[in-house]
C-alpha atoms as a PDB file:
ATOM      1  CA  MET A   1     -64.640  -8.292  20.967  1.00  0.00           C
ATOM      2  CA  ILE A   2     -64.082  -6.032  23.892  1.00  0.00           C
ATOM      3  CA  ALA A   3     -66.844  -3.543  24.550  1.00  0.00           C
ATOM      4  CA  GLY A   4     -65.538  -0.015  24.758  1.00  0.00           C
ATOM      5  CA  THR A   5     -66.654   2.651  27.197  1.00  0.00           C
ATOM      6  CA  GLY A   6     -69.082   3.894  24.492  1.00  0.00           C
ATOM      7  CA  VAL A   7     -71.844   1.599  25.392  1.00  0.00           C
ATOM      8  CA  PRO A   8     -74.551   3.209  23.183  1.00  0.00           C
ATOM      9  CA  LEU A   9     -72.178   2.838  20.197  1.00  0.00           C
ATOM     10  CA  ASP A  10     -71.684  -0.819  21.004  1.00  0.00           C
ATOM     11  CA  TRP A  11     -75.451  -1.228  21.258  1.00  0.00           C
ATOM     12  CA  ALA A  12     -75.793   0.495  17.834  1.00  0.00           C
ATOM     13  CA  ASN A  13     -73.213  -1.805  16.263  1.00  0.00           C
ATOM     14  CA  ALA A  14     -74.908  -4.867  17.801  1.00  0.00           C
ATOM     15  CA  GLY A  15     -78.247  -3.590  16.512  1.00  0.00           C
ATOM     16  CA  LYS A  16     -76.882  -3.020  13.032  1.00  0.00           C
ATOM     17  CA  ALA A  17     -75.381  -6.574  12.965  1.00  0.00           C
ATOM     18  CA  HIS A  18     -78.647  -8.064  14.111  1.00  0.00           C
ATOM     19  CA  ILE A  19     -80.606  -6.069  11.514  1.00  0.00           C
ATOM     20  CA  ALA A  20     -78.156  -7.121   8.811  1.00  0.00           C
ATOM     21  CA  SER A  21     -78.393 -10.706   9.839  1.00  0.00           C
ATOM     22  CA  ALA A  22     -82.156 -10.545   9.869  1.00  0.00           C
ATOM     23  CA  ALA A  23     -82.213  -8.935   6.471  1.00  0.00           C
ATOM     24  CA  ALA A  24     -79.789 -11.439   4.999  1.00  0.00           C
ATOM     25  CA  THR A  25     -81.933 -14.233   6.383  1.00  0.00           C
ATOM     26  CA  ALA A  26     -85.130 -12.631   4.974  1.00  0.00           C
ATOM     27  CA  VAL A  27     -83.456 -12.315   1.517  1.00  0.00           C
ATOM     28  CA  ALA A  28     -82.228 -15.851   1.559  1.00  0.00           C
ATOM     29  CA  LEU A  29     -85.821 -17.063   2.290  1.00  0.00           C
ATOM     30  CA  ILE A  30     -87.602 -14.724  -0.078  1.00  0.00           C
ATOM     31  CA  VAL A  31     -85.307 -14.856  -3.165  1.00  0.00           C
ATOM     32  CA  PRO A  32     -85.899 -18.607  -3.908  1.00  0.00           C
ATOM     33  CA  ASP A  33     -89.629 -18.013  -3.771  1.00  0.00           C
ATOM     34  CA  ILE A  34     -89.343 -15.133  -6.267  1.00  0.00           C
ATOM     35  CA  VAL A  35     -86.954 -17.100  -8.519  1.00  0.00           C
ATOM     36  CA  PHE A  36     -89.095 -20.238  -8.587  1.00  0.00           C
ATOM     37  CA  SER A  37     -92.256 -18.209  -9.230  1.00  0.00           C
ATOM     38  CA  PHE A  38     -90.834 -17.059 -12.549  1.00  0.00           C
ATOM     39  CA  GLU A  39     -89.690 -20.505 -13.582  1.00  0.00           C
END
């Protein structure tokens, strides 16, 4: 992707992508523990 002149906006998008990735990773790690704890 080509970074536009709106650097802060690019940083915000990168931050959101990082947060979303971290959240998805956390969910992927936590959900199995919750599921197995009920079984």
